Amino acid sequence: MRGAQYDAIILDPPSYGRGPNGETWKLMEQLYPLLQKISQLLCASPSFVVLNTYTPGILPSMLTYMGEYVFTRRFGGSCESRELGLPLTDSGLVLPAGVTCRWESWERGKIYV
């Protein structure tokens, strides 16, 4: 709905896509503009934004820096990113599988209503 604002947004964007007229979209090139647009969809006192990505080359630190710059500077709160992984039972190692980033407006463990 146009003009709608949201308390929370969960994103799982593709690494690559094509538009209806053949235009290309690459997350590595459009990640920061995407986060800026997402921040404009949030209400005045949003709760959280979660972003998962499986795009090679995107690091947890990149998402944290972008999230802090876009969301924390505007709304306060905090941003944290972590690597996603699949445990390998034979070796006990973890196979890297992507990155997740969470920005939240409340203190850890305490939700303000």
N, C-alpha and C. Protein backbone atom coordinates (compact mmCIF):
# COMPACT_ATOMS: atom_id res chain seq x y z
N MET A 1 0.83 -1.16 0.00
CA MET A 1 0.00 0.00 0.00
C MET A 1 0.90 1.25 0.00
N ARG A 2 0.66 2.14 -0.90
CA ARG A 2 1.46 3.36 -0.97
C ARG A 2 1.23 4.23 0.24
N GLY A 3 2.32 4.80 0.76
CA GLY A 3 2.23 5.66 1.91
C GLY A 3 2.19 4.92 3.24
N ALA A 4 2.15 3.58 3.20
CA ALA A 4 2.10 2.80 4.44
C ALA A 4 3.45 2.88 5.16
N GLN A 5 3.40 2.82 6.47
CA GLN A 5 4.61 2.78 7.28
C GLN A 5 4.54 1.54 8.16
N TYR A 6 5.71 1.03 8.51
CA TYR A 6 5.78 -0.25 9.20
C TYR A 6 6.58 -0.14 10.49
N ASP A 7 6.19 -0.95 11.48
CA ASP A 7 6.90 -1.03 12.75
C ASP A 7 8.14 -1.92 12.64
N ALA A 8 8.09 -2.90 11.74
CA ALA A 8 9.17 -3.86 11.59
C ALA A 8 9.21 -4.35 10.14
N ILE A 9 10.40 -4.68 9.68
CA ILE A 9 10.56 -5.18 8.31
C ILE A 9 11.56 -6.33 8.35
N ILE A 10 11.23 -7.42 7.65
CA ILE A 10 12.11 -8.57 7.50
C ILE A 10 12.42 -8.71 6.01
N LEU A 11 13.71 -8.75 5.69
CA LEU A 11 14.15 -8.81 4.29
C LEU A 11 14.95 -10.08 4.02
N ASP A 12 14.73 -10.67 2.86
CA ASP A 12 15.51 -11.80 2.38
C ASP A 12 15.69 -11.62 0.87
N PRO A 13 16.43 -10.57 0.49
CA PRO A 13 16.51 -10.22 -0.94
C PRO A 13 17.36 -11.21 -1.73
N PRO A 14 17.07 -11.34 -3.01
CA PRO A 14 17.90 -12.19 -3.87
C PRO A 14 19.25 -11.52 -4.13
N SER A 15 20.22 -12.32 -4.50
CA SER A 15 21.54 -11.79 -4.86
C SER A 15 21.49 -11.08 -6.20
N TYR A 16 20.59 -11.56 -7.06
CA TYR A 16 20.54 -11.08 -8.43
C TYR A 16 19.11 -11.22 -8.94
N GLY A 17 18.70 -10.28 -9.76
CA GLY A 17 17.36 -10.37 -10.35
C GLY A 17 17.27 -9.60 -11.65
N ARG A 18 16.20 -9.86 -12.37
CA ARG A 18 15.90 -9.15 -13.62
C ARG A 18 14.53 -8.52 -13.53
N GLY A 19 14.43 -7.29 -14.02
CA GLY A 19 13.17 -6.58 -14.05
C GLY A 19 12.36 -6.95 -15.27
N PRO A 20 11.15 -6.43 -15.40
CA PRO A 20 10.27 -6.79 -16.50
C PRO A 20 10.79 -6.35 -17.86
N ASN A 21 11.67 -5.35 -17.88
CA ASN A 21 12.24 -4.87 -19.15
C ASN A 21 13.68 -5.32 -19.35
N GLY A 22 14.09 -6.39 -18.62
CA GLY A 22 15.43 -6.94 -18.78
C GLY A 22 16.50 -6.25 -17.95
N GLU A 23 16.14 -5.21 -17.16
CA GLU A 23 17.13 -4.54 -16.33
C GLU A 23 17.62 -5.51 -15.24
N THR A 24 18.86 -5.35 -14.84
CA THR A 24 19.42 -6.23 -13.82
C THR A 24 19.48 -5.52 -12.47
N TRP A 25 19.38 -6.33 -11.42
CA TRP A 25 19.48 -5.85 -10.06
C TRP A 25 20.46 -6.75 -9.33
N LYS A 26 21.50 -6.16 -8.74
CA LYS A 26 22.50 -6.93 -8.01
C LYS A 26 22.56 -6.39 -6.58
N LEU A 27 22.38 -7.28 -5.62
CA LEU A 27 22.37 -6.87 -4.22
C LEU A 27 23.67 -6.18 -3.82
N MET A 28 24.81 -6.69 -4.29
CA MET A 28 26.10 -6.07 -3.94
C MET A 28 26.14 -4.60 -4.34
N GLU A 29 25.47 -4.25 -5.42
CA GLU A 29 25.47 -2.86 -5.89
C GLU A 29 24.32 -2.05 -5.30
N GLN A 30 23.24 -2.70 -4.90
CA GLN A 30 22.03 -2.01 -4.48
C GLN A 30 21.72 -2.13 -2.98
N LEU A 31 22.62 -2.75 -2.21
CA LEU A 31 22.33 -2.99 -0.80
C LEU A 31 22.13 -1.69 -0.02
N TYR A 32 23.04 -0.75 -0.14
CA TYR A 32 22.91 0.50 0.61
C TYR A 32 21.67 1.30 0.18
N PRO A 33 21.43 1.48 -1.12
CA PRO A 33 20.19 2.17 -1.51
C PRO A 33 18.93 1.43 -1.03
N LEU A 34 18.97 0.09 -1.00
CA LEU A 34 17.83 -0.68 -0.50
C LEU A 34 17.58 -0.35 0.97
N LEU A 35 18.63 -0.33 1.78
CA LEU A 35 18.47 -0.03 3.20
C LEU A 35 17.95 1.40 3.41
N GLN A 36 18.41 2.32 2.59
CA GLN A 36 17.91 3.70 2.69
C GLN A 36 16.41 3.75 2.40
N LYS A 37 15.97 3.03 1.38
CA LYS A 37 14.54 3.00 1.05
C LYS A 37 13.74 2.32 2.15
N ILE A 38 14.29 1.27 2.73
CA ILE A 38 13.62 0.58 3.82
C ILE A 38 13.43 1.53 5.00
N SER A 39 14.44 2.34 5.30
CA SER A 39 14.34 3.26 6.44
C SER A 39 13.20 4.27 6.23
N GLN A 40 12.89 4.59 4.98
CA GLN A 40 11.81 5.53 4.69
C GLN A 40 10.43 4.88 4.86
N LEU A 41 10.38 3.55 4.87
CA LEU A 41 9.12 2.83 5.06
C LEU A 41 8.78 2.62 6.53
N LEU A 42 9.75 2.88 7.41
CA LEU A 42 9.54 2.65 8.84
C LEU A 42 8.77 3.81 9.47
N CYS A 43 7.97 3.48 10.48
CA CYS A 43 7.23 4.51 11.22
C CYS A 43 8.21 5.32 12.08
N ALA A 44 7.71 6.29 12.80
CA ALA A 44 8.57 7.17 13.59
C ALA A 44 9.29 6.45 14.73
N SER A 45 8.70 5.39 15.26
CA SER A 45 9.31 4.61 16.35
C SER A 45 9.28 3.13 16.01
N PRO A 46 10.09 2.69 15.06
CA PRO A 46 10.04 1.29 14.64
C PRO A 46 10.67 0.36 15.68
N SER A 47 10.37 -0.92 15.56
CA SER A 47 10.90 -1.92 16.48
C SER A 47 12.17 -2.58 15.97
N PHE A 48 12.13 -3.10 14.73
CA PHE A 48 13.31 -3.80 14.24
C PHE A 48 13.30 -3.93 12.72
N VAL A 49 14.50 -4.23 12.20
CA VAL A 49 14.69 -4.61 10.80
C VAL A 49 15.62 -5.82 10.83
N VAL A 50 15.26 -6.87 10.11
CA VAL A 50 16.10 -8.06 9.98
C VAL A 50 16.39 -8.26 8.50
N LEU A 51 17.66 -8.50 8.19
CA LEU A 51 18.08 -8.75 6.81
C LEU A 51 18.90 -10.02 6.78
N ASN A 52 18.50 -10.98 5.95
CA ASN A 52 19.29 -12.18 5.68
C ASN A 52 19.79 -12.09 4.25
N THR A 53 21.03 -12.48 4.04
CA THR A 53 21.55 -12.52 2.68
C THR A 53 22.48 -13.70 2.52
N TYR A 54 22.44 -14.28 1.36
CA TYR A 54 23.27 -15.43 1.03
C TYR A 54 24.21 -15.08 -0.11
N THR A 55 24.42 -13.78 -0.32
CA THR A 55 25.26 -13.28 -1.40
C THR A 55 26.73 -13.38 -1.02
N PRO A 56 27.53 -14.11 -1.80
CA PRO A 56 28.97 -14.19 -1.50
C PRO A 56 29.60 -12.79 -1.49
N GLY A 57 30.51 -12.57 -0.57
CA GLY A 57 31.23 -11.31 -0.51
C GLY A 57 30.65 -10.29 0.45
N ILE A 58 29.43 -10.49 0.92
CA ILE A 58 28.86 -9.58 1.91
C ILE A 58 29.26 -10.09 3.30
N LEU A 59 29.94 -9.23 4.04
CA LEU A 59 30.47 -9.59 5.35
C LEU A 59 29.58 -9.05 6.47
N PRO A 60 29.59 -9.70 7.63
CA PRO A 60 28.82 -9.18 8.76
C PRO A 60 29.17 -7.73 9.09
N SER A 61 30.44 -7.39 9.05
CA SER A 61 30.85 -6.02 9.38
C SER A 61 30.25 -5.01 8.40
N MET A 62 30.14 -5.37 7.13
CA MET A 62 29.53 -4.47 6.14
C MET A 62 28.09 -4.17 6.51
N LEU A 63 27.34 -5.22 6.86
CA LEU A 63 25.93 -5.03 7.21
C LEU A 63 25.78 -4.22 8.49
N THR A 64 26.65 -4.47 9.46
CA THR A 64 26.59 -3.70 10.71
C THR A 64 26.85 -2.23 10.44
N TYR A 65 27.90 -1.92 9.67
CA TYR A 65 28.21 -0.52 9.37
C TYR A 65 27.05 0.17 8.66
N MET A 66 26.50 -0.50 7.65
CA MET A 66 25.38 0.08 6.91
C MET A 66 24.15 0.24 7.80
N GLY A 67 23.85 -0.77 8.60
CA GLY A 67 22.70 -0.70 9.49
C GLY A 67 22.85 0.40 10.53
N GLU A 68 24.04 0.54 11.08
CA GLU A 68 24.28 1.61 12.06
C GLU A 68 24.11 2.97 11.39
N TYR A 69 24.64 3.11 10.20
CA TYR A 69 24.58 4.39 9.51
C TYR A 69 23.15 4.75 9.10
N VAL A 70 22.42 3.78 8.59
CA VAL A 70 21.07 4.05 8.09
C VAL A 70 20.04 4.07 9.21
N PHE A 71 20.02 3.06 10.08
CA PHE A 71 18.95 2.92 11.07
C PHE A 71 19.29 3.54 12.43
N THR A 72 20.47 3.23 12.97
CA THR A 72 20.81 3.73 14.31
C THR A 72 20.96 5.24 14.32
N ARG A 73 21.54 5.81 13.30
CA ARG A 73 21.67 7.27 13.25
C ARG A 73 20.31 7.96 13.22
N ARG A 74 19.34 7.32 12.60
CA ARG A 74 18.02 7.93 12.47
C ARG A 74 17.10 7.63 13.65
N PHE A 75 17.14 6.37 14.14
CA PHE A 75 16.16 5.93 15.13
C PHE A 75 16.77 5.57 16.49
N GLY A 76 18.09 5.57 16.61
CA GLY A 76 18.72 5.08 17.84
C GLY A 76 18.75 3.56 17.81
N GLY A 77 18.91 2.93 18.97
CA GLY A 77 18.94 1.48 19.03
C GLY A 77 20.31 0.93 18.74
N SER A 78 20.35 -0.30 18.26
CA SER A 78 21.64 -0.95 17.97
C SER A 78 21.50 -1.93 16.81
N CYS A 79 22.63 -2.25 16.23
CA CYS A 79 22.68 -3.12 15.06
C CYS A 79 23.73 -4.20 15.31
N GLU A 80 23.40 -5.43 14.93
CA GLU A 80 24.32 -6.54 15.11
C GLU A 80 24.20 -7.48 13.90
N SER A 81 25.34 -7.97 13.44
CA SER A 81 25.36 -8.91 12.32
C SER A 81 26.16 -10.14 12.69
N ARG A 82 25.77 -11.24 12.10
CA ARG A 82 26.46 -12.52 12.34
C ARG A 82 26.48 -13.34 11.08
N GLU A 83 27.43 -14.23 11.04
CA GLU A 83 27.53 -15.18 9.93
C GLU A 83 26.53 -16.31 10.16
N LEU A 84 25.87 -16.74 9.10
CA LEU A 84 24.99 -17.90 9.14
C LEU A 84 25.80 -19.11 8.72
N GLY A 85 25.51 -20.27 9.26
CA GLY A 85 26.26 -21.45 8.88
C GLY A 85 25.50 -22.74 9.10
N LEU A 86 25.95 -23.75 8.42
CA LEU A 86 25.37 -25.09 8.53
C LEU A 86 26.39 -25.99 9.23
N PRO A 87 26.02 -26.61 10.35
CA PRO A 87 26.97 -27.48 11.04
C PRO A 87 27.22 -28.76 10.26
N LEU A 88 28.48 -29.16 10.20
CA LEU A 88 28.87 -30.41 9.55
C LEU A 88 29.09 -31.45 10.65
N THR A 89 28.26 -32.45 10.70
CA THR A 89 28.28 -33.40 11.81
C THR A 89 29.56 -34.23 11.85
N ASP A 90 30.13 -34.58 10.70
CA ASP A 90 31.33 -35.43 10.70
C ASP A 90 32.54 -34.72 11.28
N SER A 91 32.70 -33.43 10.94
CA SER A 91 33.91 -32.71 11.36
C SER A 91 33.69 -31.76 12.52
N GLY A 92 32.44 -31.40 12.78
CA GLY A 92 32.16 -30.41 13.82
C GLY A 92 32.38 -28.97 13.35
N LEU A 93 32.77 -28.79 12.09
CA LEU A 93 32.97 -27.47 11.53
C LEU A 93 31.63 -26.87 11.09
N VAL A 94 31.66 -25.60 10.74
CA VAL A 94 30.46 -24.92 10.27
C VAL A 94 30.71 -24.41 8.85
N LEU A 95 29.82 -24.76 7.94
CA LEU A 95 29.92 -24.32 6.55
C LEU A 95 29.25 -22.96 6.43
N PRO A 96 30.01 -21.90 6.06
CA PRO A 96 29.40 -20.58 5.92
C PRO A 96 28.28 -20.60 4.89
N ALA A 97 27.14 -19.95 5.25
CA ALA A 97 25.98 -19.99 4.38
C ALA A 97 25.33 -18.63 4.17
N GLY A 98 25.91 -17.58 4.69
CA GLY A 98 25.32 -16.26 4.51
C GLY A 98 25.55 -15.39 5.73
N VAL A 99 24.82 -14.29 5.78
CA VAL A 99 24.96 -13.31 6.86
C VAL A 99 23.57 -12.82 7.25
N THR A 100 23.38 -12.57 8.52
CA THR A 100 22.15 -11.97 9.00
C THR A 100 22.49 -10.69 9.78
N CYS A 101 21.62 -9.72 9.68
CA CYS A 101 21.81 -8.45 10.37
C CYS A 101 20.50 -8.08 11.04
N ARG A 102 20.57 -7.63 12.29
CA ARG A 102 19.37 -7.22 13.01
C ARG A 102 19.61 -5.83 13.62
N TRP A 103 18.77 -4.89 13.26
CA TRP A 103 18.75 -3.60 13.94
C TRP A 103 17.51 -3.61 14.81
N GLU A 104 17.66 -3.16 16.05
CA GLU A 104 16.52 -3.10 16.95
C GLU A 104 16.55 -1.80 17.73
N SER A 105 15.37 -1.31 18.06
CA SER A 105 15.27 -0.01 18.71
C SER A 105 15.23 -0.12 20.23
N TRP A 106 15.13 -1.30 20.77
CA TRP A 106 15.04 -1.47 22.21
C TRP A 106 16.35 -2.00 22.77
N GLU A 107 16.48 -1.89 24.09
CA GLU A 107 17.64 -2.48 24.76
C GLU A 107 17.52 -3.99 24.65
N ARG A 108 18.66 -4.65 24.54
CA ARG A 108 18.65 -6.10 24.39
C ARG A 108 17.85 -6.76 25.53
N GLY A 109 16.86 -7.53 25.16
CA GLY A 109 16.06 -8.26 26.13
C GLY A 109 14.93 -7.44 26.75
N LYS A 110 14.80 -6.18 26.41
CA LYS A 110 13.77 -5.33 27.01
C LYS A 110 13.00 -4.63 25.90
N ILE A 111 11.75 -4.95 25.74
CA ILE A 111 10.94 -4.33 24.71
C ILE A 111 10.13 -3.20 25.35
N TYR A 112 10.19 -2.03 24.76
CA TYR A 112 9.41 -0.90 25.24
C TYR A 112 8.15 -0.76 24.40
N VAL A 113 7.02 -0.77 25.04
CA VAL A 113 5.74 -0.68 24.33
C VAL A 113 5.15 0.70 24.54
